[in-house]
C-alpha atoms as a PDB file:
ATOM      1  CA  MET A   1     -12.841  -7.267  28.817  1.00  0.00           C
ATOM      2  CA  ILE A   2     -10.156  -7.829  26.015  1.00  0.00           C
ATOM      3  CA  GLY A   3     -10.664 -11.113  24.222  1.00  0.00           C
ATOM      4  CA  LYS A   4     -11.001 -14.605  25.542  1.00  0.00           C
ATOM      5  CA  ALA A   5      -7.977 -15.581  23.390  1.00  0.00           C
ATOM      6  CA  PHE A   6      -5.663 -13.066  24.959  1.00  0.00           C
ATOM      7  CA  ALA A   7      -6.477 -14.196  28.869  1.00  0.00           C
ATOM      8  CA  VAL A   8      -3.296 -15.623  29.108  1.00  0.00           C
ATOM      9  CA  ALA A   9      -1.164 -12.951  27.465  1.00  0.00           C
ATOM     10  CA  LEU A  10      -2.965 -10.302  30.110  1.00  0.00           C
ATOM     11  CA  ALA A  11      -2.122 -12.041  33.124  1.00  0.00           C
ATOM     12  CA  LEU A  12       1.357 -12.187  31.705  1.00  0.00           C
ATOM     13  CA  ALA A  13       0.937  -8.700  30.830  1.00  0.00           C
ATOM     14  CA  LEU A  14       0.041  -7.203  34.234  1.00  0.00           C
ATOM     15  CA  VAL A  15       3.548  -8.286  35.105  1.00  0.00           C
ATOM     16  CA  SER A  16       5.250  -6.660  31.916  1.00  0.00           C
ATOM     17  CA  PRO A  17       2.540  -5.064  29.834  1.00  0.00           C
ATOM     18  CA  VAL A  18       4.308  -4.605  26.652  1.00  0.00           C
ATOM     19  CA  PHE A  19       4.880  -7.236  24.603  1.00  0.00           C
ATOM     20  CA  ALA A  20       8.487  -7.584  23.489  1.00  0.00           C
ATOM     21  CA  ASP A  21       9.863  -6.786  20.402  1.00  0.00           C
ATOM     22  CA  ASP A  22       9.661 -11.213  19.257  1.00  0.00           C
ATOM     23  CA  ALA A  23       5.855 -10.678  19.634  1.00  0.00           C
ATOM     24  CA  ALA A  24       5.303  -7.260  18.728  1.00  0.00           C
ATOM     25  CA  SER A  25       4.360  -7.019  15.255  1.00  0.00           C
ATOM     26  CA  THR A  26       2.536  -9.158  12.374  1.00  0.00           C
ATOM     27  CA  ASN A  27       2.520  -8.545   8.608  1.00  0.00           C
ATOM     28  CA  ALA A  28      -1.155  -9.409   8.108  1.00  0.00           C
ATOM     29  CA  PRO A  29      -4.059  -7.330   6.921  1.00  0.00           C
ATOM     30  CA  SER A  30      -6.195  -5.708   9.381  1.00  0.00           C
ATOM     31  CA  THR A  31      -9.433  -6.737  10.458  1.00  0.00           C
ATOM     32  CA  ASN A  32     -10.047  -4.426  13.280  1.00  0.00           C
ATOM     33  CA  ALA A  33     -13.305  -2.891  12.682  1.00  0.00           C
ATOM     34  CA  ALA A  34     -16.387  -1.221  14.394  1.00  0.00           C
ATOM     35  CA  PRO A  35     -19.056   1.228  13.726  1.00  0.00           C
ATOM     36  CA  ALA A  36     -18.689   4.431  12.282  1.00  0.00           C
ATOM     37  CA  THR A  37     -21.290   6.390  15.146  1.00  0.00           C
ATOM     38  CA  ILE A  38     -22.691   5.418  17.918  1.00  0.00           C
ATOM     39  CA  ALA A  39     -25.480   7.023  19.068  1.00  0.00           C
ATOM     40  CA  THR A  40     -25.557   9.200  22.219  1.00  0.00           C
ATOM     41  CA  THR A  41     -28.218  10.695  24.371  1.00  0.00           C
ATOM     42  CA  ASP A  42     -27.511  14.162  23.380  1.00  0.00           C
ATOM     43  CA  ALA A  43     -28.615  14.464  19.517  1.00  0.00           C
ATOM     44  CA  ASN A  44     -26.009  16.937  18.643  1.00  0.00           C
ATOM     45  CA  GLN A  45     -23.275  14.136  19.869  1.00  0.00           C
ATOM     46  CA  ARG A  46     -21.616  11.477  18.211  1.00  0.00           C
ATOM     47  CA  LYS A  47     -19.172   9.122  19.343  1.00  0.00           C
ATOM     48  CA  ALA A  48     -16.662   7.196  16.555  1.00  0.00           C
ATOM     49  CA  SER A  49     -14.400   4.091  17.134  1.00  0.00           C
ATOM     50  CA  PRO A  50     -11.548   3.883  14.593  1.00  0.00           C
ATOM     51  CA  ILE A  51     -11.955   1.752  11.612  1.00  0.00           C
ATOM     52  CA  GLY A  52      -8.689  -0.205  10.841  1.00  0.00           C
ATOM     53  CA  ASP A  53      -6.483   0.981  13.238  1.00  0.00           C
ATOM     54  CA  VAL A  54      -3.133  -0.479  13.385  1.00  0.00           C
ATOM     55  CA  GLY A  55       0.686  -0.321  14.611  1.00  0.00           C
ATOM     56  CA  PHE A  56       3.262   0.711  11.479  1.00  0.00           C
ATOM     57  CA  GLY A  57       6.538   0.066  11.655  1.00  0.00           C
ATOM     58  CA  SER A  58       9.534   2.291  10.519  1.00  0.00           C
ATOM     59  CA  ASP A  59      10.159  -0.724   7.767  1.00  0.00           C
ATOM     60  CA  GLY A  60       7.044   0.030   5.832  1.00  0.00           C
ATOM     61  CA  ALA A  61       4.756  -2.890   7.634  1.00  0.00           C
ATOM     62  CA  VAL A  62       1.519  -3.117   9.147  1.00  0.00           C
ATOM     63  CA  LYS A  63       2.116  -4.230  12.813  1.00  0.00           C
ATOM     64  CA  ASP A  64      -0.220  -5.644  15.716  1.00  0.00           C
ATOM     65  CA  SER A  65      -3.157  -5.609  13.128  1.00  0.00           C
ATOM     66  CA  ASP A  66      -5.280  -8.414  14.595  1.00  0.00           C
ATOM     67  CA  SER A  67      -4.262  -7.810  18.257  1.00  0.00           C
ATOM     68  CA  TYR A  68      -5.851  -5.868  21.200  1.00  0.00           C
ATOM     69  CA  GLN A  69      -2.786  -3.748  21.879  1.00  0.00           C
ATOM     70  CA  VAL A  70      -0.320  -1.582  19.902  1.00  0.00           C
ATOM     71  CA  ARG A  71       2.855  -0.842  20.579  1.00  0.00           C
ATOM     72  CA  ILE A  72       4.500   3.024  20.489  1.00  0.00           C
ATOM     73  CA  GLY A  73       7.828   3.251  20.904  1.00  0.00           C
ATOM     74  CA  GLU A  74      10.912   0.699  20.064  1.00  0.00           C
ATOM     75  CA  LEU A  75      10.556  -2.122  17.891  1.00  0.00           C
ATOM     76  CA  TYR A  76      14.198  -3.456  17.202  1.00  0.00           C
ATOM     77  CA  ALA A  77      16.057  -0.135  17.465  1.00  0.00           C
ATOM     78  CA  PRO A  78      17.186   1.878  16.198  1.00  0.00           C
ATOM     79  CA  ALA A  79      13.547   1.075  14.260  1.00  0.00           C
ATOM     80  CA  GLY A  80      10.396   1.579  15.444  1.00  0.00           C
ATOM     81  CA  GLU A  81       6.575   1.571  15.626  1.00  0.00           C
ATOM     82  CA  CYS A  82       3.685   4.030  15.538  1.00  0.00           C
ATOM     83  CA  TYR A  83      -0.216   3.958  15.935  1.00  0.00           C
ATOM     84  CA  ILE A  84      -2.334   4.441  12.791  1.00  0.00           C
ATOM     85  CA  ILE A  85      -5.857   5.655  13.805  1.00  0.00           C
ATOM     86  CA  PRO A  86      -8.364   6.218  11.209  1.00  0.00           C
ATOM     87  CA  PHE A  87     -12.052   7.380  11.435  1.00  0.00           C
ATOM     88  CA  LEU A  88     -14.963   7.258   8.849  1.00  0.00           C
ATOM     89  CA  ILE A  89     -15.785  11.160   8.048  1.00  0.00           C
ATOM     90  CA  PRO A  90     -19.849  11.186   8.561  1.00  0.00           C
ATOM     91  CA  THR A  91     -22.280  12.848   6.345  1.00  0.00           C
ATOM     92  CA  VAL A  92     -23.130  16.441   8.126  1.00  0.00           C
ATOM     93  CA  GLY A  93     -26.279  18.800   7.844  1.00  0.00           C
ATOM     94  CA  ALA A  94     -25.550  21.813   5.137  1.00  0.00           C
ATOM     95  CA  GLY A  95     -24.155  24.548   7.747  1.00  0.00           C
ATOM     96  CA  GLN A  96     -23.360  22.161  10.604  1.00  0.00           C
ATOM     97  CA  HIS A  97     -19.622  22.154  12.057  1.00  0.00           C
ATOM     98  CA  VAL A  98     -17.851  20.540  14.524  1.00  0.00           C
ATOM     99  CA  ALA A  99     -18.141  22.271  17.605  1.00  0.00           C
ATOM    100  CA  ALA A 100     -15.948  20.326  20.294  1.00  0.00           C
ATOM    101  CA  ALA A 101     -14.153  16.951  19.990  1.00  0.00           C
ATOM    102  CA  HIS A 102     -12.320  14.763  22.578  1.00  0.00           C
ATOM    103  CA  LEU A 103     -10.330  11.374  22.061  1.00  0.00           C
ATOM    104  CA  ARG A 104      -9.791   8.653  24.900  1.00  0.00           C
ATOM    105  CA  PHE A 105      -7.656   5.872  24.930  1.00  0.00           C
ATOM    106  CA  GLN A 106      -6.784   3.191  27.440  1.00  0.00           C
ATOM    107  CA  LEU A 107      -2.760   3.066  28.262  1.00  0.00           C
ATOM    108  CA  PHE A 108      -2.525  -0.875  28.966  1.00  0.00           C
ATOM    109  CA  GLY A 109       1.235  -0.703  29.868  1.00  0.00           C
ATOM    110  CA  ILE A 110       4.616   0.788  29.730  1.00  0.00           C
ATOM    111  CA  SER A 111       7.906  -0.979  29.209  1.00  0.00           C
ATOM    112  CA  ALA A 112      11.103   1.257  30.097  1.00  0.00           C
ATOM    113  CA  ASP A 113      14.401   0.114  30.175  1.00  0.00           C
ATOM    114  CA  ALA A 114      17.001   1.607  32.216  1.00  0.00           C
ATOM    115  CA  ALA A 115      19.433   1.006  28.789  1.00  0.00           C
ATOM    116  CA  GLY A 116      17.980   3.979  27.215  1.00  0.00           C
ATOM    117  CA  GLY A 117      14.787   5.208  29.037  1.00  0.00           C
ATOM    118  CA  LEU A 118      11.017   6.038  27.456  1.00  0.00           C
ATOM    119  CA  ALA A 119      10.478   9.483  25.387  1.00  0.00           C
ATOM    120  CA  ASN A 120       7.318  10.951  24.912  1.00  0.00           C
ATOM    121  CA  ALA A 121       4.834  10.323  21.999  1.00  0.00           C
ATOM    122  CA  ASP A 122       2.638  12.703  20.223  1.00  0.00           C
ATOM    123  CA  LEU A 123      -0.398  12.823  18.804  1.00  0.00           C
ATOM    124  CA  TYR A 124      -0.611  14.113  15.314  1.00  0.00           C
ATOM    125  CA  ALA A 125      -3.460  14.395  12.545  1.00  0.00           C
ATOM    126  CA  ILE A 126      -2.106  13.196   9.122  1.00  0.00           C
ATOM    127  CA  GLY A 127      -4.905  14.182   7.113  1.00  0.00           C
ATOM    128  CA  VAL A 128      -7.982  13.082   4.752  1.00  0.00           C
ATOM    129  CA  ARG A 129      -8.027   9.898   2.543  1.00  0.00           C
ATOM    130  CA  ASP A 130      -9.893   7.955   0.378  1.00  0.00           C
ATOM    131  CA  SER A 131      -8.297   4.878   2.348  1.00  0.00           C
ATOM    132  CA  ASN A 132      -8.116   4.053   5.907  1.00  0.00           C
ATOM    133  CA  LYS A 133      -4.731   2.034   5.254  1.00  0.00           C
ATOM    134  CA  PRO A 134      -1.277   3.150   6.085  1.00  0.00           C
ATOM    135  CA  ILE A 135       1.405   4.649   3.243  1.00  0.00           C
ATOM    136  CA  LYS A 136       5.010   4.474   4.283  1.00  0.00           C
ATOM    137  CA  ASP A 137       5.206   8.113   4.640  1.00  0.00           C
ATOM    138  CA  ASP A 138       2.816   7.574   7.950  1.00  0.00           C
ATOM    139  CA  TYR A 139       5.188   6.602   9.503  1.00  0.00           C
ATOM    140  CA  TYR A 140       7.250   9.036  12.111  1.00  0.00           C
ATOM    141  CA  GLN A 141       9.784   9.229  14.902  1.00  0.00           C
ATOM    142  CA  GLY A 142      11.917  12.091  16.307  1.00  0.00           C
ATOM    143  CA  SER A 143      11.760  15.065  18.746  1.00  0.00           C
ATOM    144  CA  LYS A 144      11.617  17.784  16.073  1.00  0.00           C
ATOM    145  CA  GLN A 145       7.934  18.120  14.916  1.00  0.00           C
ATOM    146  CA  ASP A 146       6.642  16.623  11.859  1.00  0.00           C
ATOM    147  CA  PHE A 147       5.086  19.840  10.644  1.00  0.00           C
ATOM    148  CA  LYS A 148       6.024  18.877   6.931  1.00  0.00           C
ATOM    149  CA  ALA A 149       3.659  15.958   6.837  1.00  0.00           C
ATOM    150  CA  ALA A 150       1.150  16.274   9.701  1.00  0.00           C
ATOM    151  CA  ALA A 151      -0.794  18.958  12.043  1.00  0.00           C
ATOM    152  CA  LEU A 152       0.586  18.386  15.799  1.00  0.00           C
ATOM    153  CA  LEU A 153      -2.698  17.806  18.076  1.00  0.00           C
ATOM    154  CA  GLN A 154      -1.095  17.505  21.261  1.00  0.00           C
ATOM    155  CA  GLY A 155       2.774  16.909  22.410  1.00  0.00           C
ATOM    156  CA  SER A 156       3.785  14.549  25.039  1.00  0.00           C
ATOM    157  CA  PHE A 157       0.427  12.949  24.579  1.00  0.00           C
ATOM    158  CA  LEU A 158       2.007   9.705  26.139  1.00  0.00           C
ATOM    159  CA  THR A 159       4.812  10.097  29.003  1.00  0.00           C
ATOM    160  CA  PRO A 160       6.462   8.115  31.467  1.00  0.00           C
ATOM    161  CA  THR A 161       4.095   9.503  33.748  1.00  0.00           C
ATOM    162  CA  SER A 162       1.269   8.775  31.978  1.00  0.00           C
ATOM    163  CA  LYS A 163      -1.371   6.714  34.147  1.00  0.00           C
ATOM    164  CA  VAL A 164      -1.647   2.992  33.210  1.00  0.00           C
ATOM    165  CA  ARG A 165      -5.267   1.697  32.983  1.00  0.00           C
ATOM    166  CA  THR A 166      -6.158  -0.419  36.393  1.00  0.00           C
ATOM    167  CA  ASP A 167      -9.788  -1.597  35.460  1.00  0.00           C
ATOM    168  CA  GLY A 168     -11.290  -1.915  32.135  1.00  0.00           C
ATOM    169  CA  GLU A 169     -14.385  -0.069  32.906  1.00  0.00           C
ATOM    170  CA  THR A 170     -13.210   3.012  34.707  1.00  0.00           C
ATOM    171  CA  GLY A 171      -9.656   3.530  33.244  1.00  0.00           C
ATOM    172  CA  PRO A 172      -8.152   5.511  34.262  1.00  0.00           C
ATOM    173  CA  PHE A 173      -8.311   7.085  30.775  1.00  0.00           C
ATOM    174  CA  LEU A 174      -5.810   8.809  28.642  1.00  0.00           C
ATOM    175  CA  GLU A 175      -7.348  11.713  27.297  1.00  0.00           C
ATOM    176  CA  THR A 176      -6.962  14.516  24.774  1.00  0.00           C
ATOM    177  CA  SER A 177      -6.297  17.867  26.913  1.00  0.00           C
ATOM    178  CA  ALA A 178      -7.991  21.329  26.401  1.00  0.00           C
ATOM    179  CA  ASP A 179      -5.628  22.268  24.150  1.00  0.00           C
ATOM    180  CA  GLY A 180      -5.594  18.974  22.177  1.00  0.00           C
ATOM    181  CA  ASP A 181      -9.554  19.265  22.167  1.00  0.00           C
ATOM    182  CA  LYS A 182      -9.450  22.716  20.306  1.00  0.00           C
ATOM    183  CA  ALA A 183      -6.610  21.537  18.047  1.00  0.00           C
ATOM    184  CA  LEU A 184      -8.617  18.618  17.107  1.00  0.00           C
ATOM    185  CA  THR A 185     -12.021  20.033  16.737  1.00  0.00           C
ATOM    186  CA  LYS A 186     -10.654  22.814  14.186  1.00  0.00           C
ATOM    187  CA  PHE A 187      -9.016  19.465  12.380  1.00  0.00           C
ATOM    188  CA  LEU A 188     -12.334  17.766  12.373  1.00  0.00           C
ATOM    189  CA  ASP A 189     -14.382  20.946  11.577  1.00  0.00           C
ATOM    190  CA  ASP A 190     -12.295  21.536   8.649  1.00  0.00           C
ATOM    191  CA  ALA A 191     -12.561  17.431   7.421  1.00  0.00           C
ATOM    192  CA  PHE A 192     -15.965  17.440   8.080  1.00  0.00           C
ATOM    193  CA  SER A 193     -17.458  20.346   6.788  1.00  0.00           C
ATOM    194  CA  LYS A 194     -16.678  19.811   3.259  1.00  0.00           C
ATOM    195  CA  PRO A 195     -19.216  17.537   1.654  1.00  0.00           C
ATOM    196  CA  GLY A 196     -16.925  15.653  -0.935  1.00  0.00           C
ATOM    197  CA  ASN A 197     -14.634  14.077   2.012  1.00  0.00           C
ATOM    198  CA  ALA A 198     -17.936  12.220   3.562  1.00  0.00           C
ATOM    199  CA  GLY A 199     -17.364   8.415   3.394  1.00  0.00           C
ATOM    200  CA  LYS A 200     -13.328   9.181   3.669  1.00  0.00           C
ATOM    201  CA  TYR A 201     -11.055   8.952   6.408  1.00  0.00           C
ATOM    202  CA  VAL A 202      -9.661  11.255   8.681  1.00  0.00           C
ATOM    203  CA  ILE A 203      -5.779   9.906   9.697  1.00  0.00           C
ATOM    204  CA  LEU A 204      -4.502  10.378  13.161  1.00  0.00           C
ATOM    205  CA  ARG A 205      -0.937   9.046  14.472  1.00  0.00           C
ATOM    206  CA  ILE A 206       0.582   8.678  17.537  1.00  0.00           C
ATOM    207  CA  SER A 207       4.081   8.515  17.439  1.00  0.00           C
ATOM    208  CA  TYR A 208       7.333   8.075  19.517  1.00  0.00           C
ATOM    209  CA  ASN A 209       9.274  11.301  20.262  1.00  0.00           C
ATOM    210  CA  ALA A 210      12.713   9.942  19.426  1.00  0.00           C
ATOM    211  CA  ASP A 211      15.349   9.681  17.022  1.00  0.00           C
ATOM    212  CA  PRO A 212      17.448   7.246  16.823  1.00  0.00           C
ATOM    213  CA  ILE A 213      15.741   4.818  19.154  1.00  0.00           C
ATOM    214  CA  PRO A 214      18.021   3.983  21.698  1.00  0.00           C
ATOM    215  CA  ASP A 215      18.457   0.031  22.296  1.00  0.00           C
ATOM    216  CA  GLY A 216      16.381  -1.309  24.891  1.00  0.00           C
ATOM    217  CA  ASN A 217      12.785  -2.461  25.881  1.00  0.00           C
ATOM    218  CA  ASN A 218      11.490   1.208  25.638  1.00  0.00           C
ATOM    219  CA  ALA A 219       7.577   1.406  24.580  1.00  0.00           C
ATOM    220  CA  TYR A 220       3.804   1.994  25.220  1.00  0.00           C
ATOM    221  CA  ALA A 221       0.835  -0.520  24.740  1.00  0.00           C
ATOM    222  CA  VAL A 222      -2.434   1.282  23.970  1.00  0.00           C
ATOM    223  CA  LEU A 223      -5.667  -0.842  23.685  1.00  0.00           C
ATOM    224  CA  THR A 224      -7.028  -0.893  20.394  1.00  0.00           C
ATOM    225  CA  THR A 225     -10.289  -1.661  18.744  1.00  0.00           C
ATOM    226  CA  GLY A 226      -9.458  -5.096  18.916  1.00  0.00           C
ATOM    227  CA  ALA A 227     -10.392  -4.725  22.918  1.00  0.00           C
ATOM    228  CA  THR A 228     -13.652  -6.288  23.506  1.00  0.00           C
ATOM    229  CA  GLY A 229     -14.911  -4.413  26.833  1.00  0.00           C
ATOM    230  CA  ASP A 230     -17.638  -1.626  26.292  1.00  0.00           C
ATOM    231  CA  ASN A 231     -15.127   1.164  27.717  1.00  0.00           C
ATOM    232  CA  GLU A 232     -11.600  -0.473  26.262  1.00  0.00           C
ATOM    233  CA  PRO A 233     -11.173   0.645  23.037  1.00  0.00           C
ATOM    234  CA  PRO A 234     -10.359   4.073  21.523  1.00  0.00           C
ATOM    235  CA  VAL A 235     -13.179   6.497  21.359  1.00  0.00           C
ATOM    236  CA  LEU A 236     -13.837   9.810  19.604  1.00  0.00           C
ATOM    237  CA  THR A 237     -16.609  12.218  20.724  1.00  0.00           C
ATOM    238  CA  TYR A 238     -17.695  14.913  18.682  1.00  0.00           C
ATOM    239  CA  THR A 239     -20.193  17.418  18.826  1.00  0.00           C
ATOM    240  CA  LEU A 240     -22.506  18.642  15.680  1.00  0.00           C
ATOM    241  CA  LYS A 241     -23.974  21.953  15.604  1.00  0.00           C
END
């Protein structure tokens, strides 16, 4: 389950899962880390956890770097926060391709103020980098798709009707759709199949679909690699063939 240090916070979160603005951010560097790949029973299938996933603010600063959850949405409106999700690119065999891919998260909580209402959030692929650290241009918020700086993998990945997890082991989980899987598979195949990319990172992002962000505590809370339960952190499943 989530870290023991946050037991009290969890109890409070069951009533109001997303922290208020005064507890949502930190500028400390990320220490979140996880194994790049975890073997499965299928020799062709791999599971990967993000390495260095963090919240990232419209002010260009890292947020929630040592928390079990990250905020996506309003943060001191009209400012906001998005979620940066780096995965290490493995070394793949000659001629191998990513044949399938799927992303899974746990939605820990939703805050929705009547003052402004809750917008959707979109899943993007930003690109391939040597570093997993976010840069200023990674931040985005807005209803117009960010096609110039990123590739849209799944619009409305988070919505006000998204299911909040009720159990750390069984979810329910927030998962990419069939179309989202196709877009993710294509992006990963392009990235993984280039030999020079091994050891670099693919950078994904979940960002809020509203600009300007209205006043009010309107945000999603997604569990990160800081969550310690077996099924709580994000996981990327992909198949090499």
